[in-house]
N, C-alpha and C. Protein backbone atom coordinates (compact mmCIF):
# COMPACT_ATOMS: atom_id res chain seq x y z
N MET A 1 15.25 17.93 -6.53
CA MET A 1 13.71 17.68 -6.36
C MET A 1 13.66 17.78 -4.85
N PRO A 2 12.39 18.05 -4.44
CA PRO A 2 12.10 18.13 -3.05
C PRO A 2 12.25 17.02 -2.24
N SER A 3 12.82 17.23 -1.08
CA SER A 3 13.07 15.87 -0.18
C SER A 3 11.77 15.37 0.23
N LEU A 4 10.67 15.95 0.25
CA LEU A 4 9.46 15.58 0.84
C LEU A 4 8.72 14.63 -0.22
N LEU A 5 9.27 14.08 -1.03
CA LEU A 5 8.71 13.12 -2.18
C LEU A 5 7.69 12.15 -1.49
N ILE A 6 6.50 12.00 -1.69
CA ILE A 6 5.41 11.24 -1.16
C ILE A 6 5.49 9.81 -1.96
N ASN A 7 5.38 9.97 -3.38
CA ASN A 7 5.22 8.79 -4.25
C ASN A 7 5.72 9.22 -5.66
N SER A 8 6.02 8.39 -6.26
CA SER A 8 6.22 8.63 -7.64
C SER A 8 5.49 7.72 -8.48
N GLY A 9 5.17 8.07 -9.72
CA GLY A 9 4.42 7.42 -10.63
C GLY A 9 5.40 6.60 -11.52
N GLY A 10 5.19 6.87 -12.92
CA GLY A 10 6.19 6.46 -13.84
C GLY A 10 5.55 5.61 -15.03
N GLY A 11 4.47 6.29 -15.61
CA GLY A 11 3.88 5.67 -16.93
C GLY A 11 3.13 4.62 -16.65
N THR A 12 3.66 3.38 -17.20
CA THR A 12 2.78 2.20 -17.05
C THR A 12 3.34 1.31 -15.87
N PRO A 13 2.78 1.46 -14.90
CA PRO A 13 3.19 0.71 -13.60
C PRO A 13 2.98 -0.84 -13.67
N SER A 14 4.09 -1.43 -13.00
CA SER A 14 3.88 -2.85 -12.84
C SER A 14 3.28 -3.27 -11.47
N SER A 15 3.14 -4.29 -11.10
CA SER A 15 2.57 -4.70 -9.83
C SER A 15 3.29 -3.96 -8.63
N SER A 16 4.51 -3.72 -8.85
CA SER A 16 5.55 -3.28 -7.96
C SER A 16 5.22 -1.70 -7.83
N GLY A 17 4.63 -1.05 -8.74
CA GLY A 17 4.48 0.37 -8.88
C GLY A 17 5.55 1.00 -9.76
N GLN A 18 6.68 0.29 -10.23
CA GLN A 18 7.54 0.68 -10.93
C GLN A 18 7.46 0.80 -12.55
N ARG A 19 8.01 1.42 -13.34
CA ARG A 19 7.72 1.17 -14.72
C ARG A 19 8.31 -0.03 -15.35
N ASP A 20 7.58 -0.75 -16.05
CA ASP A 20 8.00 -1.82 -16.61
C ASP A 20 8.40 -1.73 -18.04
N SER A 21 9.52 -2.00 -18.27
CA SER A 21 9.98 -1.79 -19.57
C SER A 21 9.60 -2.89 -20.49
N ASN A 22 9.42 -4.09 -20.05
CA ASN A 22 9.03 -5.37 -20.77
C ASN A 22 7.37 -5.31 -20.80
N HIS A 23 6.67 -4.50 -20.54
CA HIS A 23 5.07 -4.31 -20.68
C HIS A 23 4.70 -4.84 -22.14
N PRO A 24 3.68 -5.67 -22.20
CA PRO A 24 3.57 -6.14 -23.61
C PRO A 24 2.92 -5.10 -24.29
N ARG A 25 2.16 -4.20 -23.81
CA ARG A 25 1.53 -3.17 -24.66
C ARG A 25 2.54 -1.89 -24.83
N LYS A 26 3.28 -1.72 -25.97
CA LYS A 26 4.16 -0.84 -26.29
C LYS A 26 3.50 0.34 -26.87
N LYS A 27 4.05 1.54 -26.78
CA LYS A 27 3.19 2.72 -27.21
C LYS A 27 2.90 2.67 -28.61
N SER A 28 3.53 1.95 -29.30
CA SER A 28 3.28 1.82 -30.92
C SER A 28 1.89 0.87 -31.06
N TYR A 29 1.56 0.09 -30.08
CA TYR A 29 0.42 -0.85 -30.41
C TYR A 29 -0.83 -0.22 -29.74
N PHE A 30 -0.84 0.69 -28.87
CA PHE A 30 -2.13 1.31 -28.31
C PHE A 30 -2.10 2.71 -28.34
N LYS A 31 -3.28 3.42 -28.34
CA LYS A 31 -3.35 4.79 -28.33
C LYS A 31 -3.07 5.36 -26.98
N PRO A 32 -2.02 6.13 -27.04
CA PRO A 32 -1.51 6.87 -25.69
C PRO A 32 -2.65 7.49 -25.08
N LYS A 33 -2.54 7.44 -23.62
CA LYS A 33 -3.58 8.17 -22.84
C LYS A 33 -3.18 9.51 -22.60
N SER A 34 -4.15 10.43 -22.79
CA SER A 34 -3.67 11.97 -22.55
C SER A 34 -4.33 12.58 -21.41
N ALA A 35 -3.53 13.68 -20.97
CA ALA A 35 -4.31 14.49 -19.94
C ALA A 35 -4.41 16.00 -20.48
N HIS A 36 -5.56 16.48 -20.38
CA HIS A 36 -5.72 17.93 -20.79
C HIS A 36 -5.49 18.73 -19.80
N PHE A 37 -4.93 19.96 -20.14
CA PHE A 37 -4.53 20.93 -19.14
C PHE A 37 -5.13 22.34 -19.82
N GLN A 38 -6.06 23.06 -19.17
CA GLN A 38 -6.18 24.39 -19.45
C GLN A 38 -5.34 25.08 -18.72
N VAL A 39 -4.56 26.05 -19.50
CA VAL A 39 -3.68 26.88 -18.52
C VAL A 39 -3.71 28.36 -19.02
N LYS A 40 -3.20 29.15 -18.08
CA LYS A 40 -3.10 30.53 -18.16
C LYS A 40 -2.17 30.94 -19.29
N ARG A 41 -2.53 31.88 -20.02
CA ARG A 41 -1.54 32.13 -21.26
C ARG A 41 -0.11 32.35 -20.90
N ILE A 42 0.26 32.84 -19.73
CA ILE A 42 1.72 33.06 -19.24
C ILE A 42 2.40 31.79 -19.04
N TYR A 43 1.60 30.72 -18.55
CA TYR A 43 2.30 29.47 -18.32
C TYR A 43 2.25 28.64 -19.63
N TYR A 44 1.14 28.89 -20.57
CA TYR A 44 1.27 28.11 -21.82
C TYR A 44 2.53 28.78 -22.69
N ASP A 45 2.57 29.91 -22.66
CA ASP A 45 3.83 30.60 -23.36
C ASP A 45 5.45 29.97 -22.82
N GLN A 46 5.38 29.76 -21.47
CA GLN A 46 6.48 29.26 -20.91
C GLN A 46 6.58 27.71 -21.21
N ILE A 47 5.53 27.03 -21.30
CA ILE A 47 5.69 25.66 -21.66
C ILE A 47 6.10 25.38 -23.26
N ALA A 48 5.53 26.34 -24.00
CA ALA A 48 5.67 26.26 -25.42
C ALA A 48 7.24 26.67 -25.65
N ALA A 49 7.79 27.61 -24.99
CA ALA A 49 9.25 27.82 -25.11
C ALA A 49 10.13 26.89 -24.59
N GLY A 50 9.59 25.95 -23.64
CA GLY A 50 10.39 24.93 -23.16
C GLY A 50 11.11 25.42 -21.73
N THR A 51 10.60 26.57 -21.17
CA THR A 51 11.07 27.20 -19.86
C THR A 51 10.48 26.39 -18.81
N LYS A 52 9.29 25.93 -18.99
CA LYS A 52 8.62 25.47 -17.86
C LYS A 52 8.28 23.99 -18.14
N LYS A 53 8.91 22.92 -17.29
CA LYS A 53 8.93 21.55 -17.72
C LYS A 53 8.04 20.76 -16.71
N THR A 54 7.30 21.33 -15.89
CA THR A 54 6.37 20.77 -14.90
C THR A 54 5.00 21.45 -15.26
N GLU A 55 3.80 20.53 -14.79
CA GLU A 55 2.60 21.21 -14.58
C GLU A 55 2.15 20.58 -13.25
N ILE A 56 1.64 21.74 -12.56
CA ILE A 56 1.35 21.29 -11.09
C ILE A 56 -0.19 21.60 -10.91
N ARG A 57 -0.73 20.63 -10.23
CA ARG A 57 -2.05 20.60 -10.00
C ARG A 57 -2.47 20.35 -8.46
N ALA A 58 -3.53 20.81 -7.85
CA ALA A 58 -3.74 20.43 -6.50
C ALA A 58 -4.22 18.98 -6.40
N TRP A 59 -4.12 18.44 -5.23
CA TRP A 59 -4.50 16.98 -4.86
C TRP A 59 -6.07 17.08 -4.66
N LYS A 60 -6.63 16.94 -5.73
CA LYS A 60 -8.31 16.87 -5.72
C LYS A 60 -8.81 15.65 -6.54
N PRO A 61 -9.93 15.04 -6.19
CA PRO A 61 -10.35 13.95 -6.79
C PRO A 61 -10.32 14.15 -8.32
N TYR A 62 -10.65 15.18 -8.96
CA TYR A 62 -10.75 15.39 -10.37
C TYR A 62 -9.36 15.06 -10.76
N TRP A 63 -8.30 15.67 -10.35
CA TRP A 63 -6.83 15.34 -10.89
C TRP A 63 -6.19 14.02 -10.75
N ILE A 64 -6.89 13.58 -9.24
CA ILE A 64 -6.23 12.18 -8.96
C ILE A 64 -6.73 11.18 -10.01
N SER A 65 -8.03 11.28 -10.36
CA SER A 65 -8.69 10.33 -11.31
C SER A 65 -8.11 10.19 -12.57
N ARG A 66 -7.62 11.45 -13.04
CA ARG A 66 -7.00 11.87 -14.49
C ARG A 66 -5.48 11.50 -14.48
N LEU A 67 -4.84 11.90 -13.58
CA LEU A 67 -3.34 11.73 -13.72
C LEU A 67 -2.74 10.45 -12.96
N MET A 68 -3.61 9.95 -11.82
CA MET A 68 -2.97 8.83 -10.99
C MET A 68 -4.14 7.87 -10.81
N PRO A 69 -4.49 7.23 -11.95
CA PRO A 69 -5.74 6.22 -11.78
C PRO A 69 -5.40 5.11 -11.03
N ALA A 70 -6.40 4.64 -10.12
CA ALA A 70 -6.06 3.24 -9.63
C ALA A 70 -5.87 2.11 -10.48
N LYS A 71 -6.54 2.07 -11.61
CA LYS A 71 -6.44 1.08 -12.55
C LYS A 71 -6.30 1.66 -13.83
N GLY A 72 -5.59 0.83 -14.71
CA GLY A 72 -5.09 1.37 -15.89
C GLY A 72 -3.62 2.08 -15.99
N HIS A 73 -3.34 2.63 -16.84
CA HIS A 73 -1.87 3.32 -16.78
C HIS A 73 -2.17 4.82 -16.79
N MET A 74 -1.13 5.53 -16.34
CA MET A 74 -1.10 6.81 -16.29
C MET A 74 -0.96 7.49 -17.70
N PRO A 75 -1.36 8.76 -17.90
CA PRO A 75 -1.28 9.48 -19.05
C PRO A 75 0.29 9.44 -19.69
N ASP A 76 0.26 9.39 -21.04
CA ASP A 76 1.70 9.32 -21.61
C ASP A 76 1.75 10.65 -22.40
N VAL A 77 0.63 11.37 -22.49
CA VAL A 77 0.74 12.66 -23.26
C VAL A 77 0.13 13.82 -22.49
N ALA A 78 0.70 15.05 -22.53
CA ALA A 78 -0.10 16.06 -21.93
C ALA A 78 -0.30 17.11 -23.19
N ILE A 79 -1.54 17.50 -22.93
CA ILE A 79 -2.16 18.36 -24.00
C ILE A 79 -2.60 19.69 -23.27
N PHE A 80 -1.97 20.72 -23.94
CA PHE A 80 -2.17 22.03 -23.26
C PHE A 80 -3.03 22.90 -24.24
N HIS A 81 -4.03 23.58 -23.44
CA HIS A 81 -4.98 24.49 -24.10
C HIS A 81 -4.73 25.85 -23.33
N THR A 82 -4.95 27.06 -24.21
CA THR A 82 -5.35 28.32 -23.74
C THR A 82 -5.96 28.90 -24.89
N PRO A 83 -6.94 29.85 -24.76
CA PRO A 83 -7.81 30.42 -25.68
C PRO A 83 -6.78 31.37 -26.56
N GLY A 84 -7.12 31.25 -27.88
CA GLY A 84 -6.45 31.96 -28.89
C GLY A 84 -5.05 31.44 -29.26
N ARG A 85 -4.69 30.20 -28.85
CA ARG A 85 -3.46 29.67 -29.08
C ARG A 85 -3.54 28.09 -29.64
N PRO A 86 -2.81 27.76 -30.57
CA PRO A 86 -3.01 26.10 -30.75
C PRO A 86 -2.68 25.26 -29.61
N ILE A 87 -3.21 24.04 -29.87
CA ILE A 87 -3.08 23.20 -28.82
C ILE A 87 -1.59 22.70 -28.96
N ILE A 88 -0.87 22.46 -27.83
CA ILE A 88 0.47 21.75 -27.84
C ILE A 88 0.75 20.55 -27.02
N ARG A 89 1.32 19.59 -27.39
CA ARG A 89 1.38 18.20 -26.84
C ARG A 89 2.73 18.11 -26.59
N PHE A 90 3.11 17.28 -25.20
CA PHE A 90 4.34 17.04 -24.58
C PHE A 90 4.20 15.59 -24.32
N GLU A 91 5.38 14.70 -24.14
CA GLU A 91 5.33 13.34 -23.58
C GLU A 91 5.34 13.83 -22.19
N ILE A 92 4.84 12.85 -21.23
CA ILE A 92 4.84 12.81 -19.89
C ILE A 92 5.91 11.87 -19.43
N LYS A 93 7.08 12.50 -18.84
CA LYS A 93 8.18 11.54 -18.32
C LYS A 93 7.83 10.97 -16.89
N ASP A 94 7.16 11.68 -16.10
CA ASP A 94 6.69 10.89 -14.80
C ASP A 94 5.50 11.85 -14.20
N ILE A 95 4.96 11.28 -13.26
CA ILE A 95 3.85 12.28 -12.39
C ILE A 95 4.18 11.61 -11.02
N SER A 96 4.31 12.51 -10.12
CA SER A 96 4.44 12.37 -8.62
C SER A 96 3.90 13.33 -7.98
N TYR A 97 3.51 13.15 -6.58
CA TYR A 97 2.90 13.93 -5.65
C TYR A 97 3.86 14.41 -4.65
N TYR A 98 3.75 15.83 -4.37
CA TYR A 98 4.61 16.20 -3.26
C TYR A 98 3.95 17.19 -2.17
N ARG A 99 4.41 17.37 -1.16
CA ARG A 99 3.81 18.09 -0.22
C ARG A 99 4.10 19.58 -0.69
N THR A 100 2.98 20.53 -0.52
CA THR A 100 3.12 21.82 -1.22
C THR A 100 4.11 22.61 -0.43
N GLU A 101 4.44 22.50 0.88
CA GLU A 101 5.57 23.19 1.52
C GLU A 101 6.86 22.80 1.00
N ALA A 102 7.12 21.70 0.55
CA ALA A 102 8.33 21.23 0.00
C ALA A 102 8.60 21.89 -1.58
N LEU A 103 7.47 21.95 -2.35
CA LEU A 103 7.65 22.68 -3.63
C LEU A 103 8.06 24.14 -3.32
N ILE A 104 7.48 24.86 -2.24
CA ILE A 104 7.73 26.12 -2.11
C ILE A 104 9.09 26.55 -1.63
N SER A 105 9.51 25.37 -0.58
CA SER A 105 10.90 25.61 -0.16
C SER A 105 11.93 25.31 -1.04
N GLU A 106 11.62 24.54 -2.10
CA GLU A 106 12.70 24.28 -3.07
C GLU A 106 12.64 25.22 -4.27
N GLY A 107 11.61 26.03 -4.25
CA GLY A 107 11.74 27.01 -5.26
C GLY A 107 11.17 26.37 -6.56
N ILE A 108 10.30 25.27 -6.61
CA ILE A 108 9.72 24.63 -7.69
C ILE A 108 8.40 25.53 -8.18
N LEU A 109 7.66 26.00 -7.09
CA LEU A 109 6.47 26.73 -7.54
C LEU A 109 7.10 28.24 -7.44
N THR A 110 6.53 28.95 -8.41
CA THR A 110 6.72 30.33 -8.54
C THR A 110 6.09 31.26 -7.55
N GLU A 111 6.28 32.37 -7.34
CA GLU A 111 5.62 33.01 -6.57
C GLU A 111 4.05 33.13 -6.67
N ALA A 112 3.66 33.30 -7.98
CA ALA A 112 2.18 33.26 -8.46
C ALA A 112 1.57 31.98 -8.19
N GLU A 113 2.31 30.93 -8.51
CA GLU A 113 1.84 29.71 -8.23
C GLU A 113 1.73 29.24 -6.74
N SER A 114 2.44 29.81 -5.93
CA SER A 114 2.49 29.61 -4.60
C SER A 114 1.35 30.13 -3.81
N GLU A 115 0.85 31.28 -4.39
CA GLU A 115 -0.36 31.88 -3.92
C GLU A 115 -1.51 31.07 -4.21
N GLU A 116 -1.59 30.35 -5.50
CA GLU A 116 -2.70 29.48 -5.93
C GLU A 116 -2.69 28.29 -5.02
N PHE A 117 -1.63 27.72 -4.61
CA PHE A 117 -1.64 26.39 -3.84
C PHE A 117 -1.38 26.53 -2.44
N ILE A 118 -1.71 27.88 -1.76
CA ILE A 118 -1.23 28.24 -0.29
C ILE A 118 -2.24 27.40 0.39
N ASN A 119 -3.26 26.93 0.16
CA ASN A 119 -4.34 26.24 1.06
C ASN A 119 -4.28 24.69 0.59
N VAL A 120 -3.43 24.34 -0.19
CA VAL A 120 -3.33 22.82 -0.52
C VAL A 120 -2.18 22.26 0.19
N ASP A 121 -2.63 20.92 0.65
CA ASP A 121 -1.54 20.40 1.36
C ASP A 121 -0.50 19.70 0.48
N THR A 122 -1.17 19.05 -0.57
CA THR A 122 -0.36 18.04 -1.60
C THR A 122 -0.55 18.64 -3.06
N CYS A 123 0.44 18.38 -3.79
CA CYS A 123 0.34 18.85 -5.30
C CYS A 123 0.78 17.51 -6.14
N ILE A 124 0.04 17.38 -7.29
CA ILE A 124 0.57 16.36 -8.19
C ILE A 124 1.26 17.21 -9.36
N VAL A 125 2.48 16.82 -9.56
CA VAL A 125 3.50 17.18 -10.42
C VAL A 125 3.55 16.47 -11.58
N THR A 126 3.32 17.17 -12.82
CA THR A 126 3.60 16.24 -13.98
C THR A 126 4.78 16.76 -14.77
N PHE A 127 5.86 15.95 -14.96
CA PHE A 127 7.06 16.15 -15.47
C PHE A 127 7.05 15.94 -16.93
N LEU A 128 7.34 17.08 -17.65
CA LEU A 128 7.13 17.03 -19.22
C LEU A 128 8.51 16.59 -19.88
N GLY A 129 8.25 15.91 -20.86
CA GLY A 129 9.52 15.53 -21.64
C GLY A 129 9.43 16.27 -23.00
N ASP A 130 9.73 15.63 -24.15
CA ASP A 130 9.89 16.27 -25.36
C ASP A 130 8.53 16.66 -26.00
N ARG A 131 8.59 17.80 -26.76
CA ARG A 131 7.24 18.27 -27.41
C ARG A 131 6.90 17.42 -28.63
N ILE A 132 5.71 17.04 -28.75
CA ILE A 132 5.24 16.10 -29.84
C ILE A 132 4.83 17.08 -30.99
N GLU A 133 5.50 16.96 -32.11
CA GLU A 133 5.02 17.65 -33.26
C GLU A 133 3.70 16.99 -33.73
N THR A 134 2.88 17.81 -34.34
CA THR A 134 1.77 17.42 -34.70
C THR A 134 1.62 17.34 -36.23
N THR A 135 1.22 16.13 -36.90
CA THR A 135 1.15 16.35 -38.32
C THR A 135 -0.26 16.52 -38.87
N LYS A 136 -0.28 16.94 -39.92
CA LYS A 136 -1.70 17.29 -40.50
C LYS A 136 -2.88 16.48 -40.28
N GLY A 137 -2.61 15.14 -40.16
CA GLY A 137 -3.64 14.05 -39.96
C GLY A 137 -4.03 14.08 -38.46
N GLN A 138 -3.24 14.68 -37.58
CA GLN A 138 -3.58 14.67 -36.11
C GLN A 138 -4.23 15.90 -35.56
N LEU A 139 -4.26 16.82 -36.48
CA LEU A 139 -4.75 18.18 -35.96
C LEU A 139 -6.38 18.01 -35.65
N THR A 140 -6.60 18.49 -34.54
CA THR A 140 -8.04 18.66 -33.95
C THR A 140 -8.68 19.98 -34.27
N TRP A 141 -9.96 20.13 -33.95
CA TRP A 141 -10.48 21.79 -34.02
C TRP A 141 -9.97 22.68 -33.03
N GLY A 142 -9.46 22.11 -31.81
CA GLY A 142 -8.83 22.93 -30.85
C GLY A 142 -7.62 23.53 -31.35
N ASP A 143 -7.00 22.81 -32.43
CA ASP A 143 -5.83 23.49 -32.99
C ASP A 143 -6.14 24.69 -33.82
N PHE A 144 -7.46 24.89 -34.07
CA PHE A 144 -7.63 26.17 -34.98
C PHE A 144 -8.34 27.40 -34.34
N GLU A 145 -8.40 27.21 -32.79
CA GLU A 145 -8.92 28.32 -32.02
C GLU A 145 -8.33 29.60 -32.26
């Protein structure tokens, strides 16, 4: 990982900012918070195949409020959309933010992504875990696009 790590999230933070494994609200007792990502088809296919394990967004108020909220907990589930494909869901392992030049120098950003983030100082990186298989009862209209 890049050496210029600014801060690391970690799911349900405690007062110290670290993941609290003894938190009284376990995943089975509350609805997981989700983050929705509209992605280009090339990135969707990489995520679906399991070759892309991160989703990177610019440090902008829109994404800060959704991925790194001041109150409440960070999202537990990443939901990916692209036209003409079913929605796919992944567990979120961690959310951190990095300086863009560190992501470029470490090779985390592809050449195409580097061009998208060239004018951005800081990026939010969402680390994806296992794919969440959807049961029939969990399907949404987006799954039928």
